[in-house]
Amino acid sequence: NRTTNSSLTPERISKLNKLSFPWTTRSEQLWQERINDLMEYKRKHGDCMVPRKFPPNEQLAAWVATQRKNYNRREKGQPSPLTVARIQELEKYGFVW
């Protein structure tokens, strides 16, 4: 068990929490930011069909296009960073591939 020899004691964890230490990876943070953007888009527009060019949030438009590209790669049996869990999360919100 790797955690038995960890120098990350409960006291250190508590100190890091008090400093608002981010326990998630940057990738996970970015994913959640874009999901939040997508939910805001859906509230305003009623769907998740973000156009490729969307000046109010170009990052969201690019992210949506990337998710679709990664989904298509996965469907073709090619390497893709899009996990089943993330596919399910997007579909739960009504994302259209």
Protein backbone atom coordinates (compact mmCIF):
# COMPACT_ATOMS: atom_id res chain seq x y z
CA ASN A 1 0.00 0.00 0.00
CA ARG A 2 1.61 3.23 -1.16
CA THR A 3 -0.22 5.41 1.34
CA THR A 4 1.24 3.78 4.44
CA ASN A 5 4.63 5.44 3.82
CA SER A 6 3.20 8.73 2.59
CA SER A 7 4.59 11.95 4.01
CA LEU A 8 1.17 13.48 3.39
CA THR A 9 -0.13 13.26 6.94
CA PRO A 10 -3.63 14.34 8.00
CA GLU A 11 -2.04 17.47 9.50
CA ARG A 12 -0.38 18.35 6.17
CA ILE A 13 -3.60 17.66 4.29
CA SER A 14 -5.42 20.01 6.66
CA LYS A 15 -2.81 22.73 6.11
CA LEU A 16 -3.05 22.32 2.33
CA ASN A 17 -6.84 22.50 2.52
CA LYS A 18 -6.59 25.75 4.50
CA LEU A 19 -4.44 27.13 1.66
CA SER A 20 -7.15 26.08 -0.86
CA PHE A 21 -4.81 23.57 -2.45
CA PRO A 22 -6.30 22.28 -5.73
CA TRP A 23 -6.60 18.50 -5.41
CA THR A 24 -7.66 17.99 -9.02
CA THR A 25 -5.42 18.02 -12.06
CA ARG A 26 -5.43 20.95 -14.47
CA SER A 27 -7.06 18.69 -17.04
CA GLU A 28 -9.90 17.88 -14.64
CA GLN A 29 -10.29 21.57 -13.79
CA LEU A 30 -10.50 22.52 -17.47
CA TRP A 31 -13.03 19.74 -18.12
CA GLN A 32 -15.25 21.02 -15.31
CA GLU A 33 -14.91 24.63 -16.51
CA ARG A 34 -16.05 23.66 -20.00
CA ILE A 35 -18.90 21.51 -18.62
CA ASN A 36 -20.03 24.56 -16.64
CA ASP A 37 -19.81 26.69 -19.80
CA LEU A 38 -21.81 24.07 -21.69
CA MET A 39 -24.52 24.07 -19.00
CA GLU A 40 -24.71 27.86 -19.18
CA TYR A 41 -25.03 27.64 -22.98
CA LYS A 42 -27.79 25.05 -22.60
CA ARG A 43 -29.69 27.24 -20.11
CA LYS A 44 -29.61 30.13 -22.57
CA HIS A 45 -30.16 28.24 -25.84
CA GLY A 46 -32.05 25.11 -24.80
CA ASP A 47 -29.55 22.63 -26.27
CA CYS A 48 -25.85 21.69 -26.40
CA MET A 49 -25.42 22.48 -30.11
CA VAL A 50 -22.65 25.05 -29.69
CA PRO A 51 -21.72 26.38 -33.15
CA ARG A 52 -18.13 26.03 -34.36
CA LYS A 53 -17.87 29.81 -34.31
CA PHE A 54 -19.34 31.21 -31.11
CA PRO A 55 -17.75 34.61 -30.34
CA PRO A 56 -19.20 34.88 -26.81
CA ASN A 57 -17.17 31.79 -25.84
CA GLU A 58 -14.70 30.62 -28.47
CA GLN A 59 -13.05 28.27 -25.97
CA LEU A 60 -16.34 26.42 -25.50
CA ALA A 61 -16.86 26.17 -29.27
CA ALA A 62 -13.37 24.71 -29.75
CA TRP A 63 -13.84 22.33 -26.80
CA VAL A 64 -17.16 21.02 -28.14
CA ALA A 65 -15.58 20.44 -31.57
CA THR A 66 -12.70 18.58 -29.89
CA GLN A 67 -15.08 16.34 -27.91
CA ARG A 68 -16.88 15.41 -31.13
CA LYS A 69 -13.58 14.73 -32.88
CA ASN A 70 -12.38 12.56 -29.98
CA TYR A 71 -15.70 10.70 -29.92
CA ASN A 72 -15.45 9.96 -33.64
CA ARG A 73 -11.86 8.73 -33.20
CA ARG A 74 -12.99 6.45 -30.38
CA GLU A 75 -15.87 5.09 -32.49
CA LYS A 76 -13.36 4.21 -35.24
CA GLY A 77 -11.19 2.34 -32.73
CA GLN A 78 -8.49 5.02 -32.77
CA PRO A 79 -6.77 6.37 -29.66
CA SER A 80 -8.84 9.04 -27.92
CA PRO A 81 -8.56 10.79 -24.56
CA LEU A 82 -12.37 10.78 -24.27
CA THR A 83 -13.35 8.24 -21.62
CA VAL A 84 -16.61 6.32 -21.34
CA ALA A 85 -17.37 8.23 -18.13
CA ARG A 86 -16.98 11.57 -19.91
CA ILE A 87 -19.11 10.39 -22.84
CA GLN A 88 -21.83 9.41 -20.36
CA GLU A 89 -21.53 12.75 -18.57
CA LEU A 90 -21.95 14.68 -21.81
CA GLU A 91 -24.87 12.51 -22.92
CA LYS A 92 -26.57 13.02 -19.56
CA TYR A 93 -26.67 16.73 -20.38
CA GLY A 94 -28.09 16.13 -23.85
CA PHE A 95 -24.86 16.45 -25.82
CA VAL A 96 -25.27 15.50 -29.47
CA TRP A 97 -22.38 13.81 -31.24
